[in-house]
Every structure is written in C-alpha cells, then in structure tokens.
C-alpha cells in the first residue's frame, strides 16, 4: 500500500473505504505506522468526525469533499468542524491539519464515505471482509451497545453510498481483511 502512494510536495490523500466492520480503522492505523516509519508526516482523519450523526453519512462525505479535499486540491488549507456526538451538532471550534502534514505530508481519511471523490485522492484503498466477519466484529466493538440501535439504518446509508459512488470500483488497492 505504501509503495502505491506517489511522492510529492503537496498533501497527499489516501482514503480507506469499506463497510462497517471491514477493518478500515485497523488498515488506516497500519498505514499510518508504515508511513511514519519511513519518515512521512501523517495524520488520520476519521469520517466519524465528519458525519452529521447517525443519519449523516452523506453529509459527512459532502463535508469531506467540500471542506477538506477540494481546498487541498486548490492548494488551500482545509478547515472543517467536527461532529460533536455528545451534543448532536458541529463543534464551534474549527479543525485543520497538523502543521507537518499541511506542509506536504499524508492525510489518511478513514471511513465509509472517504472514497466519495476519487479524482481528489492520491490513493483509494478498499477494505473488504465477508458479512459474517463484519457482523462478528461489530458485535465485539467496545461501542456495540451504542451502535446496535443504528446498525440497520447505517447499513442502508452505506448501501446507498456504495451504489451511488462505487468506491470499490475506483480503488487502486484492495485489502481482503478476512
């Protein structure tokens, strides 16, 4: 995966996309470690910071595209407002990239919806796991009780996103995370 990432002087963006329970966070963490080990400034942005609550996958993808990816493509500083899950609204405090990453590092965006704009990415990684494995992982999560009431609705949003944007078809790297 690291070998697939082009060099460059601007911020390079890697999206780690897949369904809930596929292992996107794990893959993103391994990628962050591999990039840091080769001396890259790297930051992981989770889509959970961009989603607008449990019904907000599409909104999170829009925020990623308009507030993060498009500004980076124009050579501008991305600024966004994280979703405050506790209070059910965007935070008043703006977020931006850490300085070393903003000067030419790697931004790894992890989560469903991260592959919404393949043309604005340097690398799109699709993470796959069979449904039974994904379900087992979701049941074992620390936040499984919090997620359980929203799981079916989230799966519907994921299916809608995947049908519309087809990130798996645009991915240059595929990880079988069985």
Protein backbone atom coordinates (compact mmCIF):
# COMPACT_ATOMS: atom_id res chain seq x y z
CA UNK A 1 0.00 0.00 0.00
CA UNK A 2 2.76 2.43 0.93
CA UNK A 3 4.54 1.72 -2.36
CA UNK A 4 1.34 2.72 -4.23
CA UNK A 5 1.41 6.24 -2.74
CA UNK A 6 3.05 8.76 -5.05
CA UNK A 7 5.62 11.21 -3.75
CA UNK A 8 5.02 14.91 -3.96
CA UNK A 9 5.38 18.26 -2.32
CA UNK A 10 1.70 18.86 -1.51
CA UNK A 11 -0.51 16.99 0.91
CA UNK A 12 -1.17 13.51 -0.41
CA UNK A 13 -4.54 12.00 0.45
CA UNK A 14 -5.29 8.32 0.98
CA UNK A 15 -8.89 7.20 1.54
CA UNK A 16 -9.50 3.92 3.35
CA UNK A 17 -13.06 2.95 2.39
CA UNK A 18 -15.29 -0.05 3.08
CA UNK A 19 -18.34 -1.23 5.01
CA UNK A 20 -18.78 -1.17 8.77
CA UNK A 21 -16.73 -3.88 10.42
CA UNK A 22 -14.46 -4.44 7.40
CA UNK A 23 -11.40 -3.24 9.35
CA UNK A 24 -10.87 0.23 7.89
CA UNK A 25 -9.59 1.67 11.18
CA UNK A 26 -7.10 -1.18 11.56
CA UNK A 27 -5.84 -0.79 8.00
CA UNK A 28 -5.56 3.01 8.46
CA UNK A 29 -3.58 2.51 11.68
CA UNK A 30 -1.17 0.11 9.95
CA UNK A 31 -0.79 2.53 7.05
CA UNK A 32 -0.11 5.41 9.46
CA UNK A 33 2.57 3.33 11.17
CA UNK A 34 4.22 2.34 7.89
CA UNK A 35 4.25 5.91 6.62
CA UNK A 36 5.61 7.27 9.91
CA UNK A 37 8.30 4.57 9.88
CA UNK A 38 9.52 5.84 6.52
CA UNK A 39 9.66 9.41 7.88
CA UNK A 40 6.39 10.75 6.47
CA UNK A 41 4.33 13.29 8.40
CA UNK A 42 0.95 11.58 8.59
CA UNK A 43 -2.45 12.30 10.10
CA UNK A 44 -5.54 10.07 10.22
CA UNK A 45 -8.89 11.82 9.88
CA UNK A 46 -11.81 9.58 10.74
CA UNK A 47 -15.08 10.08 8.94
CA UNK A 48 -16.77 9.86 12.35
CA UNK A 49 -15.56 13.42 12.86
CA UNK A 50 -17.38 14.48 9.68
CA UNK A 51 -20.64 12.51 9.77
CA UNK A 52 -23.66 14.52 10.93
CA UNK A 53 -24.83 11.95 13.46
CA UNK A 54 -26.28 8.52 12.84
CA UNK A 55 -28.18 9.66 9.75
CA UNK A 56 -25.29 11.71 8.40
CA UNK A 57 -23.12 9.55 6.16
CA UNK A 58 -24.00 11.55 3.03
CA UNK A 59 -23.44 14.84 4.87
CA UNK A 60 -20.06 13.61 6.14
CA UNK A 61 -18.99 12.72 2.60
CA UNK A 62 -20.09 16.19 1.45
CA UNK A 63 -18.08 17.86 4.24
CA UNK A 64 -15.04 15.79 3.29
CA UNK A 65 -15.36 16.77 -0.37
CA UNK A 66 -16.11 20.48 0.12
CA UNK A 67 -14.17 21.34 3.28
CA UNK A 68 -11.14 19.04 3.05
CA UNK A 69 -10.48 17.54 -0.38
CA UNK A 70 -11.48 20.45 -2.65
CA UNK A 71 -9.45 23.03 -0.68
CA UNK A 72 -6.42 20.71 -0.72
CA UNK A 73 -6.79 20.29 -4.49
CA UNK A 74 -6.73 24.10 -4.83
CA UNK A 75 -3.65 24.36 -2.59
CA UNK A 76 -5.68 25.90 0.23
CA UNK A 77 -5.85 24.97 3.90
CA UNK A 78 -8.79 22.70 4.67
CA UNK A 79 -10.94 23.76 7.61
CA UNK A 80 -13.89 21.78 8.95
CA UNK A 81 -15.98 21.48 12.08
CA UNK A 82 -16.04 18.10 13.80
CA UNK A 83 -19.30 16.46 14.69
CA UNK A 84 -19.90 16.57 18.44
CA UNK A 85 -21.65 13.25 19.05
CA UNK A 86 -22.44 14.08 22.66
CA UNK A 87 -24.30 17.29 21.79
CA UNK A 88 -25.57 16.32 18.32
CA UNK A 89 -24.10 19.27 16.41
CA UNK A 90 -20.95 20.54 14.76
CA UNK A 91 -18.33 21.92 17.11
CA UNK A 92 -17.83 25.67 17.16
CA UNK A 93 -14.06 25.18 17.13
CA UNK A 94 -12.62 24.69 13.62
CA UNK A 95 -10.29 21.80 12.85
CA UNK A 96 -7.39 21.75 10.41
CA UNK A 97 -4.40 19.60 9.50
CA UNK A 98 -1.39 19.41 11.82
CA UNK A 99 1.37 21.71 10.51
CA UNK A 100 3.83 18.97 9.42
CA UNK A 101 1.10 17.28 7.35
CA UNK A 102 -0.10 20.58 5.90
CA UNK A 103 3.45 21.24 4.63
CA UNK A 104 3.46 18.12 2.47
CA UNK A 105 2.60 15.05 4.49
CA UNK A 106 -0.03 12.38 4.08
CA UNK A 107 -3.65 12.65 5.15
CA UNK A 108 -5.28 9.27 5.64
CA UNK A 109 -9.07 9.56 5.66
CA UNK A 110 -10.69 6.51 7.17
CA UNK A 111 -14.34 5.54 7.00
CA UNK A 112 -17.30 4.88 4.78
CA UNK A 113 -17.71 7.90 2.54
CA UNK A 114 -13.98 8.66 2.34
CA UNK A 115 -13.86 7.47 -1.28
CA UNK A 116 -16.61 9.83 -2.43
CA UNK A 117 -14.29 11.86 -4.70
CA UNK A 118 -11.67 9.55 -6.24
CA UNK A 119 -10.39 12.31 -8.55
CA UNK A 120 -9.35 14.31 -5.47
CA UNK A 121 -7.42 11.39 -3.92
CA UNK A 122 -3.89 10.15 -4.46
CA UNK A 123 -4.87 6.64 -3.44
CA UNK A 124 -8.17 4.90 -2.69
CA UNK A 125 -7.96 1.70 -0.65
CA UNK A 126 -10.96 -0.63 -0.48
CA UNK A 127 -11.14 -2.85 2.62
CA UNK A 128 -13.29 -5.95 2.33
CA UNK A 129 -14.42 -8.56 4.84
CA UNK A 130 -17.28 -11.05 4.43
CA UNK A 131 -20.59 -10.05 6.01
CA UNK A 132 -20.38 -12.71 8.73
CA UNK A 133 -16.93 -11.50 9.79
CA UNK A 134 -18.04 -7.87 9.72
CA UNK A 135 -21.06 -8.71 11.87
CA UNK A 136 -18.89 -10.57 14.39
CA UNK A 137 -16.52 -7.60 14.62
CA UNK A 138 -19.38 -5.13 15.05
CA UNK A 139 -20.82 -7.27 17.87
CA UNK A 140 -17.39 -7.27 19.58
CA UNK A 141 -16.80 -3.50 19.40
CA UNK A 142 -16.46 -1.56 22.63
CA UNK A 143 -19.33 0.67 21.50
CA UNK A 144 -21.51 -2.22 20.25
CA UNK A 145 -24.41 -1.30 22.57
CA UNK A 146 -24.35 2.32 21.38
CA UNK A 147 -24.13 1.28 17.71
CA UNK A 148 -26.71 -1.55 17.81
CA UNK A 149 -29.89 0.59 17.54
CA UNK A 150 -28.44 2.40 14.49
CA UNK A 151 -26.85 -0.54 12.71
CA UNK A 152 -29.63 -1.29 10.19
CA UNK A 153 -30.13 2.37 9.27
CA UNK A 154 -26.37 2.81 8.91
CA UNK A 155 -26.17 -0.26 6.65
CA UNK A 156 -28.88 1.30 4.45
CA UNK A 157 -26.90 4.53 4.18
CA UNK A 158 -23.74 2.55 3.36
CA UNK A 159 -25.52 0.61 0.62
CA UNK A 160 -26.87 3.85 -0.87
CA UNK A 161 -23.39 5.43 -0.79
CA UNK A 162 -21.70 2.36 -2.28
CA UNK A 163 -24.30 2.07 -5.06
CA UNK A 164 -24.01 5.76 -5.95
CA UNK A 165 -20.24 6.28 -5.77
CA UNK A 166 -18.88 2.74 -6.30
CA UNK A 167 -15.63 3.30 -4.36
CA UNK A 168 -14.64 -0.36 -4.67
CA UNK A 169 -14.54 0.03 -8.47
CA UNK A 170 -12.31 3.11 -8.17
CA UNK A 171 -9.87 1.63 -5.65
CA UNK A 172 -6.28 1.03 -6.77
CA UNK A 173 -5.60 -1.14 -3.71
CA UNK A 174 -7.90 -3.79 -2.29
CA UNK A 175 -7.37 -5.34 1.13
CA UNK A 176 -9.05 -8.64 1.95
CA UNK A 177 -9.37 -8.25 5.70
CA UNK A 178 -10.93 -11.62 6.48
